[in-house]
Amino acid sequence: MERFHILSSRPVRQSVSVSSQRGAVMIIALIFLLLLTLLAVSASGNSLLQQRMSGGLRNAQQAQMSAETALRGAEWKLWSGSNGATKRLHCGTTVPGECYTFDASTPISAVVKFRTQAGWVTEGATAYTGISSDVDYTALANGSLAKNPLYIIEDMGPELPPGTIGSLHESGSTGSHGNAGIGRHIYRITARASGGNGNTVRVLETTFSAKLN
């Protein structure tokens, strides 16, 4: 009986040892699978973050260029208007979308909001749709914008030659007769534009000297 017991116990011990090894291998495999899963999730997260950052940068650049385009378009409107009576702007305090007369003592609420308020503001502004007013920037084949850019023009007053009393002086504007800025006004142009995403907004300003409109 003792011999039979010794011989019969050996296979049982070997079976338990193989089962333990198989269990250890499975645990190690699960650990490696978990590590690989974590690495894949981390790489995917970084890829999505970089994609969002690239998209945000693209939207910001689009909004910046769109606002610059609107500024140049408004400058061209002032310049071309100074060469023909039919194209001249008529500035006043209640002429939305045309040209406003600046008065520091009585600021125009629509202009103040357009220049300072966050987000997308349209009140009192003019949509810029190209020099010929036939371009829809929201329907371009490539790089379309969420909204067409807007601008506001303000007549800041006459341009004064250096040495005179007043606040609007421009250097280097002396005419052929030595009178600086005669018949010219300083205009402030404010442009507001969006990128491909309407949540990205840029507001830019410039001043432009042109003949009295």
Protein backbone atom coordinates (compact mmCIF):
# COMPACT_ATOMS: atom_id res chain seq x y z
CA MET A 1 0.00 0.00 0.00
CA GLU A 2 2.81 2.44 0.70
CA ARG A 3 4.39 1.87 -2.69
CA PHE A 4 1.07 2.38 -4.43
CA HIS A 5 0.50 5.60 -2.48
CA ILE A 6 3.92 7.03 -3.45
CA LEU A 7 3.46 6.22 -7.11
CA SER A 8 -0.04 7.65 -7.24
CA SER A 9 0.91 10.94 -5.52
CA ARG A 10 3.53 11.97 -8.11
CA PRO A 11 1.13 12.70 -11.00
CA VAL A 12 -1.04 14.78 -8.69
CA ARG A 13 1.92 16.97 -7.68
CA GLN A 14 2.98 17.45 -11.28
CA SER A 15 -0.56 18.44 -12.28
CA VAL A 16 -0.74 21.12 -9.58
CA SER A 17 2.66 22.55 -10.65
CA VAL A 18 1.64 22.87 -14.35
CA SER A 19 -1.66 24.52 -13.41
CA SER A 20 0.17 27.09 -11.26
CA GLN A 21 2.53 27.93 -14.11
CA ARG A 22 -0.36 28.38 -16.52
CA GLY A 23 -2.08 30.73 -14.06
CA ALA A 24 1.07 32.84 -13.66
CA VAL A 25 1.47 33.13 -17.45
CA MET A 26 -2.12 34.27 -17.79
CA ILE A 27 -1.67 36.96 -15.12
CA ILE A 28 1.51 38.24 -16.79
CA ALA A 29 -0.26 38.29 -20.17
CA LEU A 30 -3.15 40.27 -18.67
CA ILE A 31 -0.73 42.76 -17.15
CA PHE A 32 1.02 43.29 -20.49
CA LEU A 33 -2.36 43.62 -22.23
CA LEU A 34 -3.38 46.28 -19.70
CA LEU A 35 -0.13 48.17 -20.24
CA LEU A 36 -0.57 48.06 -24.01
CA THR A 37 -4.15 49.29 -23.64
CA LEU A 38 -3.02 52.20 -21.48
CA LEU A 39 -0.32 53.12 -24.01
CA ALA A 40 -2.84 52.99 -26.87
CA VAL A 41 -5.34 55.16 -24.97
CA SER A 42 -2.61 57.67 -24.08
CA ALA A 43 -1.39 57.86 -27.69
CA SER A 44 -4.95 58.31 -28.94
CA GLY A 45 -5.56 61.09 -26.39
CA ASN A 46 -2.39 62.92 -27.43
CA SER A 47 -3.36 62.60 -31.09
CA LEU A 48 -6.81 64.07 -30.44
CA LEU A 49 -5.32 66.90 -28.38
CA GLN A 50 -2.85 67.78 -31.14
CA GLN A 51 -5.68 67.70 -33.68
CA ARG A 52 -7.76 70.08 -31.59
CA MET A 53 -4.79 72.39 -31.07
CA SER A 54 -4.12 72.43 -34.83
CA GLY A 55 -7.79 73.18 -35.49
CA GLY A 56 -7.80 75.99 -32.94
CA LEU A 57 -4.65 77.51 -34.44
CA ARG A 58 -6.16 77.30 -37.94
CA ASN A 59 -9.37 79.01 -36.76
CA ALA A 60 -7.36 81.77 -35.08
CA GLN A 61 -5.32 82.36 -38.24
CA GLN A 62 -8.47 82.41 -40.36
CA ALA A 63 -10.10 84.97 -38.06
CA GLN A 64 -6.95 87.11 -38.06
CA MET A 65 -6.66 87.11 -41.86
CA SER A 66 -10.39 87.71 -42.27
CA ALA A 67 -10.27 90.76 -40.00
CA GLU A 68 -7.23 92.07 -41.88
CA THR A 69 -9.10 91.61 -45.16
CA ALA A 70 -12.08 93.58 -43.85
CA LEU A 71 -9.78 96.41 -42.71
CA ARG A 72 -8.14 96.63 -46.12
CA GLY A 73 -11.54 96.55 -47.79
CA ALA A 74 -12.82 99.42 -45.65
CA GLU A 75 -9.66 101.41 -46.38
CA TRP A 76 -10.21 100.86 -50.08
CA LYS A 77 -13.80 102.05 -49.68
CA LEU A 78 -12.59 105.27 -48.06
CA TRP A 79 -9.85 105.76 -50.64
CA SER A 80 -12.09 105.16 -53.66
CA GLY A 81 -14.85 107.29 -52.11
CA SER A 82 -12.51 110.24 -51.83
CA ASN A 83 -12.10 110.24 -55.63
CA GLY A 84 -15.76 110.47 -56.58
CA ALA A 85 -18.75 112.27 -55.12
CA THR A 86 -21.07 109.34 -55.86
CA LYS A 87 -18.90 106.96 -53.80
CA ARG A 88 -18.39 109.15 -50.76
CA LEU A 89 -19.54 108.04 -47.36
CA HIS A 90 -21.97 110.11 -45.36
CA CYS A 91 -20.91 110.13 -41.74
CA GLY A 92 -23.28 110.86 -38.90
CA THR A 93 -24.35 109.70 -35.47
CA THR A 94 -27.33 107.62 -36.62
CA VAL A 95 -26.20 106.06 -39.89
CA PRO A 96 -25.68 102.36 -39.12
CA GLY A 97 -23.43 100.49 -41.48
CA GLU A 98 -22.23 103.59 -43.34
CA CYS A 99 -19.97 105.85 -41.28
CA TYR A 100 -20.19 107.28 -37.79
CA THR A 101 -19.01 110.68 -36.59
CA PHE A 102 -16.88 110.27 -33.49
CA ASP A 103 -17.77 112.42 -30.51
CA ALA A 104 -15.97 111.66 -27.25
CA SER A 105 -18.63 113.46 -25.19
CA THR A 106 -21.50 111.36 -26.58
CA PRO A 107 -20.21 107.92 -27.59
CA ILE A 108 -22.45 105.83 -29.83
CA SER A 109 -23.51 102.69 -27.99
CA ALA A 110 -23.49 100.46 -31.09
CA VAL A 111 -19.91 101.47 -31.88
CA VAL A 112 -18.75 100.96 -28.29
CA LYS A 113 -20.30 97.47 -28.18
CA PHE A 114 -18.79 96.50 -31.51
CA ARG A 115 -15.32 97.62 -30.41
CA THR A 116 -15.32 96.20 -26.87
CA GLN A 117 -17.91 93.47 -26.38
CA ALA A 118 -16.87 89.82 -26.47
CA GLY A 119 -18.37 87.32 -28.88
CA TRP A 120 -20.07 88.06 -32.17
CA VAL A 121 -21.63 91.54 -32.48
CA THR A 122 -23.48 92.72 -35.60
CA GLU A 123 -25.39 95.83 -34.53
CA GLY A 124 -24.48 98.88 -36.59
CA ALA A 125 -21.79 97.08 -38.61
CA THR A 126 -21.33 96.44 -42.31
CA ALA A 127 -20.64 92.97 -43.66
CA TYR A 128 -17.58 92.81 -45.86
CA THR A 129 -18.16 90.67 -48.95
CA GLY A 130 -15.25 91.68 -51.14
CA ILE A 131 -14.43 94.77 -53.18
CA SER A 132 -17.30 94.06 -55.58
CA SER A 133 -19.65 92.93 -52.77
CA ASP A 134 -20.14 89.54 -54.39
CA VAL A 135 -18.09 87.20 -52.19
CA ASP A 136 -19.67 84.99 -49.57
CA TYR A 137 -16.85 83.92 -47.27
CA THR A 138 -19.09 81.35 -45.58
CA ALA A 139 -19.46 79.37 -48.82
CA LEU A 140 -15.88 79.15 -50.07
CA ALA A 141 -14.74 75.83 -51.50
CA ASN A 142 -11.68 75.80 -49.22
CA GLY A 143 -11.33 77.52 -45.86
CA SER A 144 -14.85 78.84 -45.53
CA LEU A 145 -15.60 81.06 -42.52
CA ALA A 146 -18.39 80.67 -39.99
CA LYS A 147 -19.50 84.26 -40.66
CA ASN A 148 -18.70 87.05 -43.08
CA PRO A 149 -16.41 89.67 -41.49
CA LEU A 150 -17.86 92.97 -40.29
CA TYR A 151 -16.48 96.49 -39.99
CA ILE A 152 -17.37 99.94 -38.69
CA ILE A 153 -15.92 103.24 -39.92
CA GLU A 154 -15.69 106.30 -37.69
CA ASP A 155 -14.81 109.83 -38.78
CA MET A 156 -12.43 111.00 -36.07
CA GLY A 157 -12.13 114.56 -37.41
CA PRO A 158 -9.78 116.58 -39.63
CA GLU A 159 -6.13 115.77 -39.92
CA LEU A 160 -4.08 118.62 -38.49
CA PRO A 161 -0.58 119.70 -39.51
CA PRO A 162 2.16 119.50 -36.88
CA GLY A 163 2.30 122.50 -34.57
CA THR A 164 -1.42 123.29 -34.60
CA ILE A 165 -3.79 122.91 -31.68
CA GLY A 166 -5.75 119.71 -31.83
CA SER A 167 -5.54 115.99 -31.12
CA LEU A 168 -5.39 114.43 -34.58
CA HIS A 169 -1.91 114.87 -36.02
CA GLU A 170 -0.30 112.77 -38.70
CA SER A 171 3.36 113.15 -39.60
CA GLY A 172 4.64 113.01 -43.13
CA SER A 173 1.39 114.18 -44.72
CA THR A 174 2.55 117.55 -46.04
CA GLY A 175 1.02 118.29 -49.43
CA SER A 176 2.59 119.88 -52.47
CA HIS A 177 1.83 123.37 -51.09
CA GLY A 178 3.24 122.68 -47.66
CA ASN A 179 -0.13 122.36 -45.91
CA ALA A 180 -0.35 119.09 -44.07
CA GLY A 181 -3.65 117.27 -44.09
CA ILE A 182 -5.73 120.02 -45.71
CA GLY A 183 -9.13 118.56 -46.56
CA ARG A 184 -8.27 115.19 -45.04
CA HIS A 185 -9.84 113.36 -42.12
CA ILE A 186 -8.66 110.57 -39.88
CA TYR A 187 -10.93 107.52 -39.96
CA ARG A 188 -10.89 104.71 -37.44
CA ILE A 189 -11.83 101.31 -38.81
CA THR A 190 -12.78 98.43 -36.53
CA ALA A 191 -13.15 94.93 -37.98
CA ARG A 192 -14.60 91.83 -36.34
CA ALA A 193 -14.14 88.42 -37.93
CA SER A 194 -14.50 84.72 -37.12
CA GLY A 195 -12.64 81.62 -38.20
CA GLY A 196 -14.07 78.38 -39.46
CA ASN A 197 -15.54 77.98 -35.99
CA GLY A 198 -17.85 80.79 -34.87
CA ASN A 199 -16.43 80.64 -31.35
CA THR A 200 -13.12 82.09 -32.60
CA VAL A 201 -13.41 85.88 -32.96
CA ARG A 202 -10.79 88.53 -33.72
CA VAL A 203 -11.26 92.30 -33.40
CA LEU A 204 -8.73 94.57 -35.12
CA GLU A 205 -8.50 98.35 -35.53
CA THR A 206 -6.60 100.72 -37.74
CA THR A 207 -6.60 104.42 -38.59
CA PHE A 208 -6.65 105.71 -42.13
CA SER A 209 -6.20 109.18 -43.57
CA ALA A 210 -8.37 110.10 -46.56
CA LYS A 211 -10.06 113.07 -48.13
CA LEU A 212 -13.19 114.30 -46.41
CA ASN A 213 -16.12 112.11 -47.38
